[in-house]
Amino acid sequence: MLIFFVLLCMGGAYHVALHRSKRMALQLKRGSMHSQPHHHALLVAIWCGAPALITLLLWHFFTPQIITALVLQHIPENITPLSADATHALLQRVTALASGYGVIGDAAPYEQEAAQQFLQLQQLATLANISLAAVLMLTGTAWALRRITPQAQARLQVETLMRWLLLSCSAVAILTTLGILVSMLGETLRFFSFVPPLDFFLGTEWNPVFSSTTGGTGQYGLLPLLSGTLMVSVIALCVAVPIGLMTAIYLVEYAPSWCRTFAKPVIEVLAGIPTIVYGVFALMVVGPFLTGLGAYFGLSIRATSALTAGLVMGVMIVPFMSSLSDDVLSQVPQALRDGSLGLGATQSETILKVVLPAALPGIIGAFLLAASRAIGETMIVVLAAGNSPHLHGNPFEAVATVTVSIVNQLTGDTDFAGPQSLVAFALGFTLFITTLALNVVALYIVRKFSEQYE
């Protein structure tokens, strides 16, 4: 609510500053103001909201720690817990009492007193937060309004602030990726202190259990999981890429406007269906159907198999391939089509020899996104692929994938002191490196083919 209130105040400050700057521009000669009125209005809005938003953010992070420290100071010394777990349990009881939810058993008098103090401090902090935000908004708005002059370089200041904002957003994306990489790398190295890297990357057996008889740590071979992941992904891409690309070609090149207006949103609805729904559909409908179809032709197809998961996953990622390819094909200049048709080529020849080569970099990008979506999918393979970590090449049998294994290793009570749980980070790091390699290869191919149309 505070953030919403700050945004409303920013909008009000913007309109006040816009009205004042427009009135000043009308009173002066045309072109005598350095910046446009909307630049002055944007600058005033920024000075109105930015200090308050930064204060709210800092207040949100530091206030709970300060309140906790003040509450603990008023706990009697003979009762103050020494361990971190006991302190956490005491704070949970105090917070529950302050919130009105109650606690198990009778609350001690010092707990009730601490809860009352916690509630008072929380209310005081909220009031101080609102007051400080209001003062900062009023001060910033008044100061910025006084700086609206014909010589004020509001445009340069706004552009500088926007440049730093965009740089910060880019830095957040990059730092988030690096943070994920570093966190997974650290835990992966801990895992390799239990299991040699060669046994992990080249092992053909997956049995991540502690051996109570021999004192070992189980088998952690990656190849069965990697083969299952690649098998399901290849089947999914064999379904999604042709269907998605053909759909995009029809909608862009052949379909009338009314058909395109109706068909594209309907196709993209598939992308909004939760993956668990696809998984249940694969388990209850597609799997039994494939089993019956295989029995009719004399084939043994399990209901939970790589083929079941791959087919349903391919249907799920069709909208990704179709929508992105549609956008890329629409961006091909009409002059290329007109030139090809003017030279006597048919429409199908124009699409095959002119439009598709010109859109090839974007199509490769769509293929990469579909491949990443297939490799990282979890719920469909959890329900439809089975969980058979054996190295084989039969798509009619159950397989285990990397994502399913990560879920299995992190489900239930986990102890990150052993390889059973740490292997999940090694598997995640492997997926990260695989996706990175796909991006590098795709970037090379895109640059190689895009040079022909520069």
Protein backbone atom coordinates (compact mmCIF):
# COMPACT_ATOMS: atom_id res chain seq x y z
CA MET A 1 0.00 0.00 0.00
CA LEU A 2 2.87 2.39 0.74
CA ILE A 3 4.44 1.73 -2.65
CA PHE A 4 1.07 2.28 -4.33
CA PHE A 5 0.67 5.55 -2.42
CA VAL A 6 4.14 6.68 -3.51
CA LEU A 7 3.32 5.91 -7.14
CA LEU A 8 0.11 7.94 -6.89
CA CYS A 9 2.07 10.86 -5.47
CA MET A 10 4.58 10.58 -8.29
CA GLY A 11 1.74 10.80 -10.79
CA GLY A 12 0.36 13.88 -9.06
CA ALA A 13 3.79 15.53 -8.96
CA TYR A 14 4.24 14.78 -12.66
CA HIS A 15 1.00 16.55 -13.62
CA VAL A 16 1.72 19.56 -11.38
CA ALA A 17 5.20 19.96 -12.85
CA LEU A 18 3.91 19.46 -16.39
CA HIS A 19 1.31 22.19 -15.93
CA ARG A 20 3.88 24.60 -14.46
CA SER A 21 6.50 23.96 -17.15
CA LYS A 22 3.92 24.33 -19.94
CA ARG A 23 2.75 27.63 -18.48
CA MET A 24 6.36 28.82 -18.27
CA ALA A 25 6.98 27.80 -21.88
CA LEU A 26 3.93 29.74 -23.07
CA GLN A 27 5.06 32.87 -21.24
CA LEU A 28 8.51 32.76 -22.88
CA LYS A 29 9.49 32.85 -26.50
CA ARG A 30 9.39 29.62 -28.42
CA GLY A 31 12.62 27.66 -28.14
CA SER A 32 13.92 29.63 -25.17
CA MET A 33 13.58 26.66 -22.77
CA HIS A 34 16.39 24.14 -22.75
CA SER A 35 14.14 21.09 -22.12
CA GLN A 36 10.61 20.09 -23.02
CA PRO A 37 7.86 20.31 -20.34
CA HIS A 38 7.60 16.55 -20.02
CA HIS A 39 11.32 16.34 -19.17
CA HIS A 40 10.79 18.72 -16.25
CA ALA A 41 7.72 16.73 -15.17
CA LEU A 42 9.63 13.45 -15.26
CA LEU A 43 12.45 14.92 -13.20
CA VAL A 44 10.03 16.19 -10.56
CA ALA A 45 8.29 12.81 -10.41
CA ILE A 46 11.64 11.07 -9.95
CA TRP A 47 12.65 13.41 -7.11
CA CYS A 48 9.24 12.84 -5.54
CA GLY A 49 9.30 9.05 -5.55
CA ALA A 50 12.91 7.85 -5.71
CA PRO A 51 14.03 8.92 -2.20
CA ALA A 52 10.83 7.57 -0.66
CA LEU A 53 11.09 4.23 -2.48
CA ILE A 54 14.73 3.80 -1.50
CA THR A 55 13.86 4.59 2.11
CA LEU A 56 10.99 2.08 2.07
CA LEU A 57 13.31 -0.59 0.69
CA LEU A 58 16.00 0.00 3.30
CA TRP A 59 13.36 0.22 6.05
CA HIS A 60 11.90 -3.10 4.97
CA PHE A 61 15.26 -4.87 5.29
CA PHE A 62 16.59 -3.34 8.50
CA THR A 63 13.48 -2.71 10.63
CA PRO A 64 12.76 -6.40 11.49
CA GLN A 65 16.32 -6.85 12.74
CA ILE A 66 16.13 -3.72 14.90
CA ILE A 67 12.74 -4.72 16.37
CA THR A 68 14.04 -8.21 17.10
CA ALA A 69 17.10 -6.85 18.89
CA LEU A 70 14.97 -4.50 21.00
CA VAL A 71 12.56 -7.28 21.94
CA LEU A 72 15.40 -9.63 22.96
CA GLN A 73 16.89 -6.95 25.18
CA HIS A 74 13.76 -6.95 27.36
CA ILE A 75 13.75 -10.74 27.86
CA PRO A 76 14.91 -11.60 31.40
CA GLU A 77 18.57 -12.58 31.52
CA ASN A 78 17.88 -15.90 33.17
CA ILE A 79 15.50 -16.84 30.35
CA THR A 80 17.35 -15.43 27.32
CA PRO A 81 18.17 -18.42 25.06
CA LEU A 82 21.79 -19.00 24.20
CA SER A 83 21.53 -21.03 21.00
CA ALA A 84 20.35 -19.70 17.64
CA ASP A 85 17.62 -22.36 17.38
CA ALA A 86 16.20 -21.49 20.81
CA THR A 87 16.24 -17.79 19.94
CA HIS A 88 14.43 -18.48 16.69
CA ALA A 89 11.79 -20.57 18.49
CA LEU A 90 11.25 -17.84 21.08
CA LEU A 91 10.84 -15.17 18.40
CA GLN A 92 8.34 -17.35 16.57
CA ARG A 93 6.22 -17.65 19.72
CA VAL A 94 6.43 -13.90 20.34
CA THR A 95 5.46 -13.14 16.73
CA ALA A 96 2.55 -15.58 16.89
CA LEU A 97 1.29 -13.98 20.10
CA ALA A 98 1.61 -10.49 18.63
CA SER A 99 -0.29 -11.56 15.50
CA GLY A 100 -3.12 -13.06 17.52
CA TYR A 101 -2.68 -16.63 16.26
CA GLY A 102 -1.78 -18.04 19.67
CA VAL A 103 0.83 -20.60 20.61
CA ILE A 104 0.97 -24.19 21.79
CA GLY A 105 0.64 -24.33 25.55
CA ASP A 106 0.31 -21.45 27.97
CA ALA A 107 2.26 -18.30 27.18
CA ALA A 108 4.63 -17.17 29.89
CA PRO A 109 4.22 -13.63 31.28
CA TYR A 110 7.53 -12.53 29.74
CA GLU A 111 6.36 -13.87 26.36
CA GLN A 112 3.13 -11.89 26.55
CA GLU A 113 5.07 -8.78 27.56
CA ALA A 114 7.51 -9.30 24.67
CA ALA A 115 4.61 -9.79 22.24
CA GLN A 116 2.99 -6.55 23.42
CA GLN A 117 6.27 -4.71 23.00
CA PHE A 118 6.80 -6.29 19.58
CA LEU A 119 3.36 -5.09 18.48
CA GLN A 120 3.99 -1.57 19.76
CA LEU A 121 7.39 -1.36 18.06
CA GLN A 122 5.90 -2.64 14.81
CA GLN A 123 3.15 -0.03 14.88
CA LEU A 124 5.67 2.69 15.74
CA ALA A 125 7.93 1.58 12.87
CA THR A 126 5.03 1.65 10.43
CA LEU A 127 4.03 5.14 11.50
CA ALA A 128 7.61 6.38 11.30
CA ASN A 129 7.98 4.79 7.87
CA ILE A 130 4.88 6.54 6.54
CA SER A 131 5.92 9.87 8.06
CA LEU A 132 9.45 9.68 6.70
CA ALA A 133 8.21 8.71 3.22
CA ALA A 134 5.73 11.61 3.23
CA VAL A 135 8.39 14.11 4.33
CA LEU A 136 10.80 12.91 1.66
CA MET A 137 8.13 13.11 -1.06
CA LEU A 138 7.10 16.64 -0.08
CA THR A 139 10.69 17.82 0.23
CA GLY A 140 11.77 16.26 -3.04
CA THR A 141 8.76 17.60 -4.92
CA ALA A 142 9.16 21.14 -3.56
CA TRP A 143 12.89 21.19 -4.28
CA ALA A 144 12.43 19.89 -7.83
CA LEU A 145 9.57 22.30 -8.59
CA ARG A 146 11.76 25.24 -7.62
CA ARG A 147 14.38 24.08 -10.13
CA ILE A 148 12.00 24.37 -13.10
CA THR A 149 13.65 27.23 -14.97
CA PRO A 150 14.22 27.95 -18.66
CA GLN A 151 17.95 27.19 -18.24
CA ALA A 152 17.47 23.93 -16.28
CA GLN A 153 18.88 20.95 -18.20
CA ALA A 154 16.12 18.56 -17.20
CA ARG A 155 16.40 16.51 -20.36
CA LEU A 156 20.06 15.67 -19.77
CA GLN A 157 19.39 14.77 -16.15
CA VAL A 158 16.46 12.51 -17.04
CA GLU A 159 18.45 10.78 -19.77
CA THR A 160 21.35 10.25 -17.37
CA LEU A 161 19.06 8.77 -14.73
CA MET A 162 17.39 6.51 -17.28
CA ARG A 163 20.79 5.37 -18.55
CA TRP A 164 21.84 4.43 -15.01
CA LEU A 165 18.49 2.72 -14.44
CA LEU A 166 18.90 0.60 -17.56
CA LEU A 167 22.49 -0.18 -16.59
CA SER A 168 21.31 -1.26 -13.13
CA CYS A 169 18.67 -3.55 -14.62
CA SER A 170 21.28 -5.13 -16.89
CA ALA A 171 23.63 -5.52 -13.95
CA VAL A 172 20.90 -7.21 -11.90
CA ALA A 173 20.33 -9.75 -14.68
CA ILE A 174 24.06 -10.43 -15.06
CA LEU A 175 24.73 -10.58 -11.32
CA THR A 176 21.78 -12.93 -10.82
CA THR A 177 23.21 -15.30 -13.41
CA LEU A 178 26.66 -15.09 -11.82
CA GLY A 179 25.15 -15.63 -8.37
CA ILE A 180 23.36 -18.77 -9.52
CA LEU A 181 26.54 -20.02 -11.18
CA VAL A 182 28.75 -19.34 -8.14
CA SER A 183 26.29 -20.90 -5.68
CA MET A 184 25.94 -24.04 -7.79
CA LEU A 185 29.67 -24.23 -8.43
CA GLY A 186 30.50 -24.11 -4.72
CA GLU A 187 28.10 -26.93 -3.85
CA THR A 188 29.21 -28.89 -6.91
CA LEU A 189 32.81 -28.76 -5.73
CA ARG A 190 31.66 -30.03 -2.34
CA PHE A 191 29.93 -32.92 -4.11
CA PHE A 192 33.10 -33.75 -6.03
CA SER A 193 34.91 -34.09 -2.71
CA PHE A 194 32.75 -37.19 -2.15
CA VAL A 195 32.46 -38.48 -5.74
CA PRO A 196 35.26 -38.18 -8.34
CA PRO A 197 34.26 -36.06 -11.38
CA LEU A 198 35.08 -38.88 -13.81
CA ASP A 199 32.77 -41.26 -11.96
CA PHE A 200 30.01 -38.65 -12.18
CA PHE A 201 30.34 -37.58 -15.82
CA LEU A 202 31.26 -41.00 -17.26
CA GLY A 203 29.38 -43.29 -14.89
CA THR A 204 26.69 -45.54 -16.30
CA GLU A 205 24.89 -46.40 -13.05
CA TRP A 206 22.63 -44.14 -10.99
CA ASN A 207 21.82 -45.33 -7.49
CA PRO A 208 22.21 -42.40 -5.06
CA VAL A 209 21.87 -44.23 -1.76
CA PHE A 210 24.21 -44.82 1.12
CA SER A 211 25.36 -48.37 1.37
CA SER A 212 24.95 -49.64 4.91
CA THR A 213 26.96 -52.82 4.27
CA THR A 214 30.04 -51.54 2.43
CA GLY A 215 30.08 -48.02 3.78
CA GLY A 216 29.96 -46.52 0.27
CA THR A 217 27.95 -43.59 -1.00
CA GLY A 218 26.05 -45.16 -3.88
CA GLN A 219 26.44 -44.75 -7.64
CA TYR A 220 26.19 -41.29 -9.22
CA GLY A 221 26.65 -41.85 -12.94
CA LEU A 222 25.28 -39.01 -15.07
CA LEU A 223 25.01 -40.81 -18.41
CA PRO A 224 21.66 -42.56 -17.74
CA LEU A 225 20.06 -39.27 -16.73
CA LEU A 226 21.65 -37.37 -19.61
CA SER A 227 20.51 -39.94 -22.17
CA GLY A 228 16.95 -39.83 -20.82
CA THR A 229 16.90 -36.02 -20.92
CA LEU A 230 18.22 -35.92 -24.48
CA MET A 231 15.81 -38.63 -25.63
CA VAL A 232 12.73 -36.84 -24.28
CA SER A 233 13.98 -33.45 -25.57
CA VAL A 234 14.68 -34.77 -29.09
CA ILE A 235 11.22 -36.32 -29.30
CA ALA A 236 9.65 -33.07 -28.10
CA LEU A 237 11.60 -30.97 -30.60
CA CYS A 238 10.72 -33.36 -33.43
CA VAL A 239 7.08 -32.62 -32.63
CA ALA A 240 7.28 -28.91 -31.80
CA VAL A 241 9.70 -27.55 -34.41
CA PRO A 242 7.94 -28.77 -37.60
CA ILE A 243 4.44 -28.06 -36.30
CA GLY A 244 5.37 -24.67 -34.84
CA LEU A 245 7.31 -23.54 -37.90
CA MET A 246 4.66 -24.72 -40.37
CA THR A 247 1.98 -23.00 -38.29
CA ALA A 248 3.94 -19.74 -38.34
CA ILE A 249 4.49 -19.96 -42.11
CA TYR A 250 0.79 -20.50 -42.73
CA LEU A 251 -0.31 -17.67 -40.45
CA VAL A 252 2.17 -15.19 -41.97
CA GLU A 253 2.13 -16.15 -45.64
CA TYR A 254 -1.19 -17.86 -46.43
CA ALA A 255 -3.85 -17.24 -43.77
CA PRO A 256 -6.35 -14.39 -44.21
CA SER A 257 -6.40 -11.69 -41.58
CA TRP A 258 -9.52 -13.02 -39.83
CA CYS A 259 -7.99 -16.49 -39.51
CA ARG A 260 -4.71 -15.10 -38.16
CA THR A 261 -6.57 -12.92 -35.65
CA PHE A 262 -8.45 -15.95 -34.35
CA ALA A 263 -5.82 -18.70 -34.62
CA LYS A 264 -2.78 -17.02 -33.04
CA PRO A 265 -4.38 -16.32 -29.62
CA VAL A 266 -5.89 -19.81 -29.57
CA ILE A 267 -2.50 -21.40 -30.22
CA GLU A 268 -0.81 -19.26 -27.58
CA VAL A 269 -3.37 -20.43 -25.01
CA LEU A 270 -1.41 -23.70 -24.94
CA ALA A 271 1.53 -21.84 -23.41
CA GLY A 272 -0.62 -20.71 -20.47
CA ILE A 273 -1.76 -24.19 -19.43
CA PRO A 274 0.08 -25.33 -16.27
CA THR A 275 2.61 -28.07 -16.91
CA ILE A 276 1.04 -30.26 -14.24
CA VAL A 277 -2.10 -30.38 -16.40
CA TYR A 278 0.00 -31.60 -19.33
CA GLY A 279 1.55 -34.20 -17.05
CA VAL A 280 -1.82 -35.52 -15.88
CA PHE A 281 -3.07 -35.54 -19.48
CA ALA A 282 -0.01 -37.52 -20.56
CA LEU A 283 -0.39 -39.99 -17.68
CA MET A 284 -4.12 -40.60 -18.02
CA VAL A 285 -4.78 -40.18 -21.76
CA VAL A 286 -1.69 -40.23 -23.96
CA GLY A 287 0.12 -43.02 -22.14
CA PRO A 288 -2.75 -45.55 -22.23
CA PHE A 289 -3.50 -44.56 -25.83
CA LEU A 290 0.09 -45.27 -26.90
CA THR A 291 0.05 -48.56 -24.99
CA GLY A 292 -3.09 -49.68 -26.81
CA LEU A 293 -1.76 -48.46 -30.15
CA GLY A 294 1.49 -50.33 -29.63
CA ALA A 295 -0.39 -53.53 -28.71
CA TYR A 296 -2.39 -53.21 -31.94
CA PHE A 297 0.84 -53.16 -33.98
CA GLY A 298 2.60 -55.72 -31.83
CA LEU A 299 4.85 -53.23 -29.99
CA SER A 300 5.43 -52.99 -26.26
CA ILE A 301 4.99 -49.33 -25.27
CA ARG A 302 4.81 -48.46 -21.61
CA ALA A 303 2.31 -45.85 -20.46
CA THR A 304 5.11 -43.95 -18.73
CA SER A 305 7.87 -43.71 -21.29
CA ALA A 306 10.12 -41.27 -23.09
CA LEU A 307 7.73 -41.28 -26.05
CA THR A 308 4.74 -40.27 -23.90
CA ALA A 309 6.61 -37.45 -22.19
CA GLY A 310 8.21 -36.26 -25.43
CA LEU A 311 4.96 -36.10 -27.40
CA VAL A 312 3.10 -34.13 -24.74
CA MET A 313 6.08 -31.87 -24.12
CA GLY A 314 6.28 -31.21 -27.86
CA VAL A 315 2.65 -30.09 -27.87
CA MET A 316 3.38 -27.83 -24.90
CA ILE A 317 6.29 -25.99 -26.58
CA VAL A 318 4.56 -25.60 -29.96
CA PRO A 319 3.34 -22.09 -28.99
CA PHE A 320 6.91 -21.00 -28.17
CA MET A 321 8.19 -22.09 -31.56
CA SER A 322 5.10 -20.83 -33.42
CA SER A 323 4.87 -17.40 -31.77
CA LEU A 324 8.56 -16.56 -32.05
CA SER A 325 8.80 -17.82 -35.63
CA ASP A 326 5.68 -15.84 -36.50
CA ASP A 327 7.27 -12.63 -35.20
CA VAL A 328 10.52 -13.32 -37.04
CA LEU A 329 8.84 -14.11 -40.37
CA SER A 330 6.69 -10.99 -40.08
CA GLN A 331 9.84 -8.86 -39.84
CA VAL A 332 11.22 -10.04 -43.19
CA PRO A 333 10.96 -7.04 -45.57
CA GLN A 334 8.13 -7.26 -48.08
CA ALA A 335 10.56 -6.05 -50.75
CA LEU A 336 12.34 -9.43 -50.66
CA ARG A 337 9.08 -11.24 -51.34
CA ASP A 338 8.09 -8.81 -54.10
CA GLY A 339 11.48 -9.14 -55.78
CA SER A 340 11.32 -12.93 -55.76
CA LEU A 341 7.77 -12.98 -57.09
CA GLY A 342 8.71 -10.42 -59.74
CA LEU A 343 11.47 -12.71 -61.00
CA GLY A 344 8.93 -15.48 -61.59
CA ALA A 345 9.23 -17.55 -58.41
CA THR A 346 6.13 -19.10 -56.93
CA GLN A 347 4.98 -18.29 -53.42
CA SER A 348 6.27 -21.59 -52.04
CA GLU A 349 9.66 -21.06 -53.71
CA THR A 350 9.80 -17.54 -52.29
CA ILE A 351 9.13 -18.85 -48.80
CA LEU A 352 11.68 -21.66 -49.11
CA LYS A 353 14.52 -19.76 -50.82
CA VAL A 354 14.04 -16.16 -49.66
CA VAL A 355 11.88 -15.77 -46.55
CA LEU A 356 13.21 -18.70 -44.50
CA PRO A 357 16.92 -17.96 -45.15
CA ALA A 358 16.35 -14.30 -44.26
CA ALA A 359 14.60 -15.29 -41.03
CA LEU A 360 16.98 -18.13 -40.19
CA PRO A 361 18.79 -16.38 -37.26
CA GLY A 362 15.49 -15.70 -35.53
CA ILE A 363 14.22 -19.21 -36.21
CA ILE A 364 17.39 -20.62 -34.65
CA GLY A 365 16.72 -18.44 -31.61
CA ALA A 366 13.19 -19.84 -31.39
CA PHE A 367 14.59 -23.36 -31.69
CA LEU A 368 17.05 -22.63 -28.89
CA LEU A 369 14.26 -21.38 -26.61
CA ALA A 370 12.20 -24.48 -27.36
CA ALA A 371 15.21 -26.71 -26.66
CA SER A 372 15.91 -24.98 -23.36
CA ARG A 373 12.24 -25.32 -22.42
CA ALA A 374 12.33 -29.03 -23.22
CA ILE A 375 15.58 -29.71 -21.36
CA GLY A 376 14.42 -27.90 -18.23
CA GLU A 377 10.86 -29.24 -18.07
CA THR A 378 10.06 -31.10 -14.86
CA MET A 379 6.40 -31.86 -14.15
CA ILE A 380 5.62 -33.63 -17.41
CA VAL A 381 8.59 -35.97 -17.13
CA VAL A 382 7.90 -36.56 -13.43
CA LEU A 383 4.45 -37.95 -14.27
CA ALA A 384 4.85 -39.32 -17.78
CA ALA A 385 8.47 -40.43 -18.28
CA GLY A 386 8.69 -42.79 -15.33
CA ASN A 387 11.80 -42.98 -13.18
CA SER A 388 14.05 -45.65 -14.61
CA PRO A 389 17.70 -44.48 -14.45
CA HIS A 390 19.04 -47.07 -16.85
CA LEU A 391 21.16 -46.42 -19.92
CA HIS A 392 19.21 -47.51 -23.01
CA GLY A 393 17.99 -46.07 -26.30
CA ASN A 394 14.45 -47.43 -26.38
CA PRO A 395 11.91 -44.56 -26.40
CA PHE A 396 9.13 -47.02 -25.54
CA GLU A 397 10.58 -47.64 -22.07
CA ALA A 398 10.64 -45.47 -18.96
CA VAL A 399 13.58 -43.11 -18.48
CA ALA A 400 14.93 -40.79 -15.81
CA THR A 401 15.89 -37.20 -16.58
CA VAL A 402 18.16 -34.70 -14.88
CA THR A 403 15.30 -32.53 -13.64
CA VAL A 404 13.39 -35.48 -12.17
CA SER A 405 16.52 -36.59 -10.33
CA ILE A 406 16.98 -33.10 -8.88
CA VAL A 407 13.41 -33.20 -7.57
CA ASN A 408 13.94 -36.66 -6.07
CA GLN A 409 17.19 -35.68 -4.33
CA LEU A 410 15.71 -32.52 -2.80
CA THR A 411 12.38 -34.02 -1.71
CA GLY A 412 11.84 -34.78 1.95
CA ASP A 413 14.38 -34.32 4.73
CA THR A 414 17.65 -33.31 3.12
CA ASP A 415 21.11 -33.27 4.65
CA PHE A 416 23.51 -31.12 2.67
CA ALA A 417 26.49 -32.69 4.38
CA GLY A 418 26.49 -35.72 2.08
CA PRO A 419 26.47 -36.47 -1.64
CA GLN A 420 22.81 -37.50 -1.71
CA SER A 421 21.62 -33.88 -1.65
CA LEU A 422 24.73 -32.20 -3.05
CA VAL A 423 24.36 -34.16 -6.28
CA ALA A 424 21.33 -31.97 -7.10
CA PHE A 425 23.66 -28.97 -7.42
CA ALA A 426 26.00 -30.94 -9.67
CA LEU A 427 23.06 -31.88 -11.88
CA GLY A 428 21.86 -28.26 -11.97
CA PHE A 429 25.35 -27.05 -12.85
CA THR A 430 25.45 -29.58 -15.69
CA LEU A 431 22.14 -28.27 -17.04
CA PHE A 432 23.49 -24.72 -16.81
CA ILE A 433 26.62 -25.59 -18.79
CA THR A 434 24.57 -27.48 -21.37
CA THR A 435 22.29 -24.49 -21.93
CA LEU A 436 25.30 -22.18 -22.15
CA ALA A 437 26.87 -24.41 -24.79
CA LEU A 438 23.64 -24.34 -26.80
CA ASN A 439 23.64 -20.54 -26.66
CA VAL A 440 27.24 -20.32 -27.86
CA VAL A 441 26.63 -22.67 -30.77
CA ALA A 442 23.42 -20.84 -31.73
CA LEU A 443 25.19 -17.47 -31.58
CA TYR A 444 27.89 -18.74 -33.91
CA ILE A 445 25.33 -20.07 -36.39
CA VAL A 446 23.29 -16.86 -36.24
CA ARG A 447 26.34 -14.71 -36.99
CA LYS A 448 27.44 -16.96 -39.81
CA PHE A 449 24.11 -16.84 -41.63
CA SER A 450 23.17 -13.26 -40.82
CA GLU A 451 26.24 -11.92 -42.65
CA GLN A 452 24.67 -12.96 -45.96
CA TYR A 453 21.80 -10.47 -45.52
CA GLU A 454 23.62 -7.43 -44.10
